[in-house]
Amino acid sequence: MTEREFEKIIDRYTAYVVAVISKVAKERLNREDIEELASDVFAKLWERKNELNIQEGKEKAYIGASARNHTLNLLKKRGLLSTIPLEEDVISDNATPEKVLLEEEEATTIRQVIESLPEPDDEIFNRRRYLSFKIKR
């Protein structure tokens, strides 16, 4: 795989990788974590370029599975994983570019609203939503 071919793969599948990561993470990761995971997926693909023998037309499935596995590993490492989602629940051919774009816009809007919350409300929300802190009564 040449660098130019790899750049085309990145251009073609970045939105898909971000969508898979976001769906698996279910708001347990922030935008920076998602972007870093997406970079890790492509970095690993580049590292293994000479070992891989992906059939024509199977690139999307391989890259999607890799994104899913990277995400699950990070969630497990951080103690944020209670159950492992079924692969068919995460990776589907229904992820059209329009659907991915709408989901990304929705996630961006939600993040902007959270970031606009005053202290300590934003911290409370983030701890409850992303770190699964319990509310004492």
Protein backbone atom coordinates (compact mmCIF):
# COMPACT_ATOMS: atom_id res chain seq x y z
CA MET A 1 0.00 0.00 0.00
CA THR A 2 1.46 3.35 -1.01
CA GLU A 3 1.14 6.52 1.02
CA ARG A 4 -1.26 7.92 -1.57
CA GLU A 5 -3.49 4.83 -1.35
CA PHE A 6 -3.43 5.10 2.42
CA GLU A 7 -4.43 8.77 2.27
CA LYS A 8 -7.42 7.78 0.12
CA ILE A 9 -8.43 5.19 2.70
CA ILE A 10 -8.23 7.81 5.45
CA ASP A 11 -10.31 10.27 3.42
CA ARG A 12 -12.90 7.63 2.59
CA TYR A 13 -13.31 6.01 6.02
CA THR A 14 -12.60 8.66 8.66
CA ALA A 15 -16.25 9.61 9.15
CA TYR A 16 -17.19 5.94 9.33
CA VAL A 17 -14.50 5.19 11.93
CA VAL A 18 -15.64 8.14 14.05
CA ALA A 19 -19.25 6.96 13.78
CA VAL A 20 -18.34 3.42 14.89
CA ILE A 21 -16.27 4.71 17.81
CA SER A 22 -19.03 7.09 18.86
CA LYS A 23 -21.66 4.38 18.72
CA VAL A 24 -19.59 1.90 20.73
CA ALA A 25 -18.52 4.54 23.26
CA LYS A 26 -22.09 5.79 23.79
CA GLU A 27 -20.95 9.19 25.07
CA ARG A 28 -18.45 7.67 27.52
CA LEU A 29 -15.58 9.29 25.61
CA ASN A 30 -14.99 12.92 24.76
CA ARG A 31 -14.25 14.31 21.32
CA GLU A 32 -10.48 14.25 21.84
CA ASP A 33 -10.58 10.58 22.86
CA ILE A 34 -12.64 9.72 19.79
CA GLU A 35 -10.25 11.59 17.49
CA GLU A 36 -7.25 9.90 19.11
CA LEU A 37 -8.86 6.47 18.74
CA ALA A 38 -9.61 7.15 15.08
CA SER A 39 -5.96 8.10 14.57
CA ASP A 40 -4.89 4.92 16.37
CA VAL A 41 -7.05 2.80 14.06
CA PHE A 42 -5.39 4.26 10.97
CA ALA A 43 -1.91 4.17 12.54
CA LYS A 44 -2.32 0.46 13.29
CA LEU A 45 -3.56 -0.12 9.74
CA TRP A 46 -0.45 1.61 8.38
CA GLU A 47 1.85 -0.36 10.70
CA ARG A 48 0.37 -3.63 9.48
CA LYS A 49 0.03 -2.68 5.81
CA ASN A 50 2.50 -5.32 4.65
CA GLU A 51 0.94 -8.10 6.76
CA LEU A 52 -2.68 -7.48 5.86
CA ASN A 53 -4.41 -9.32 3.08
CA ILE A 54 -7.84 -7.70 3.00
CA GLN A 55 -10.12 -8.88 0.22
CA GLU A 56 -11.38 -6.35 -2.27
CA GLY A 57 -14.58 -4.78 -0.96
CA LYS A 58 -13.93 -5.91 2.65
CA GLU A 59 -11.94 -2.84 3.73
CA LYS A 60 -14.92 -1.17 5.39
CA ALA A 61 -15.73 -4.23 7.50
CA TYR A 62 -12.10 -4.65 8.58
CA ILE A 63 -11.70 -0.97 9.46
CA GLY A 64 -15.04 -0.93 11.29
CA ALA A 65 -14.10 -4.00 13.33
CA SER A 66 -10.74 -2.44 14.14
CA ALA A 67 -12.42 0.79 15.32
CA ARG A 68 -14.84 -1.24 17.45
CA ASN A 69 -12.03 -3.25 19.05
CA HIS A 70 -9.87 -0.20 19.75
CA THR A 71 -12.85 1.48 21.43
CA LEU A 72 -13.75 -1.55 23.52
CA ASN A 73 -10.14 -1.92 24.64
CA LEU A 74 -9.98 1.71 25.77
CA LEU A 75 -13.32 1.50 27.58
CA LYS A 76 -12.21 -1.69 29.30
CA LYS A 77 -8.89 -0.12 30.27
CA ARG A 78 -10.71 2.85 31.83
CA GLY A 79 -13.26 0.65 33.59
CA LEU A 80 -16.14 2.09 31.58
CA LEU A 81 -17.27 -1.14 29.96
CA SER A 82 -20.04 -3.17 31.52
CA THR A 83 -21.14 -5.22 28.50
CA ILE A 84 -19.72 -5.78 25.05
CA PRO A 85 -22.13 -4.81 22.27
CA LEU A 86 -22.87 -7.27 19.52
CA GLU A 87 -20.94 -6.50 16.36
CA GLU A 88 -24.08 -6.25 14.27
CA ASP A 89 -25.37 -3.57 16.64
CA VAL A 90 -22.31 -1.44 16.01
CA ILE A 91 -21.15 -2.03 12.46
CA SER A 92 -23.80 -1.84 9.82
CA ASP A 93 -24.07 -0.93 6.19
CA ASN A 94 -26.85 1.48 7.19
CA ALA A 95 -24.19 4.05 8.14
CA THR A 96 -24.78 6.33 5.19
CA PRO A 97 -22.68 9.49 4.92
CA GLU A 98 -25.80 11.54 5.64
CA LYS A 99 -26.61 9.56 8.78
CA VAL A 100 -23.02 9.77 10.00
CA LEU A 101 -22.99 13.53 9.39
CA LEU A 102 -26.27 14.03 11.26
CA GLU A 103 -25.01 11.97 14.21
CA GLU A 104 -21.77 13.97 14.29
CA GLU A 105 -23.69 17.26 14.21
CA GLU A 106 -25.96 16.07 17.01
CA ALA A 107 -22.99 15.01 19.13
CA THR A 108 -21.32 18.37 18.49
CA THR A 109 -24.44 20.24 19.56
CA ILE A 110 -24.72 18.19 22.75
CA ARG A 111 -21.04 18.80 23.57
CA GLN A 112 -21.47 22.54 23.00
CA VAL A 113 -24.46 22.66 25.33
CA ILE A 114 -22.56 20.74 28.02
CA GLU A 115 -19.52 22.99 27.64
CA SER A 116 -21.73 26.07 28.02
CA LEU A 117 -22.97 24.93 31.44
CA PRO A 118 -21.60 26.99 34.33
CA GLU A 119 -19.38 25.51 37.05
CA PRO A 120 -20.08 23.21 38.85
CA ASP A 121 -22.96 22.02 36.64
CA ASP A 122 -20.71 21.01 33.75
CA GLU A 123 -18.42 19.04 36.07
CA ILE A 124 -21.38 17.31 37.72
CA PHE A 125 -22.86 16.40 34.36
CA ASN A 126 -19.56 15.08 33.00
CA ARG A 127 -18.91 13.00 36.09
CA ARG A 128 -22.39 11.52 36.02
CA ARG A 129 -22.65 10.92 32.27
CA TYR A 130 -19.12 9.97 31.25
CA LEU A 131 -17.60 8.60 34.43
CA SER A 132 -20.79 6.93 35.73
CA PHE A 133 -20.54 8.57 39.14
CA LYS A 134 -23.49 7.77 41.36
CA ILE A 135 -25.74 10.41 42.91
CA LYS A 136 -25.85 10.28 46.70
CA ARG A 137 -29.25 10.82 48.23
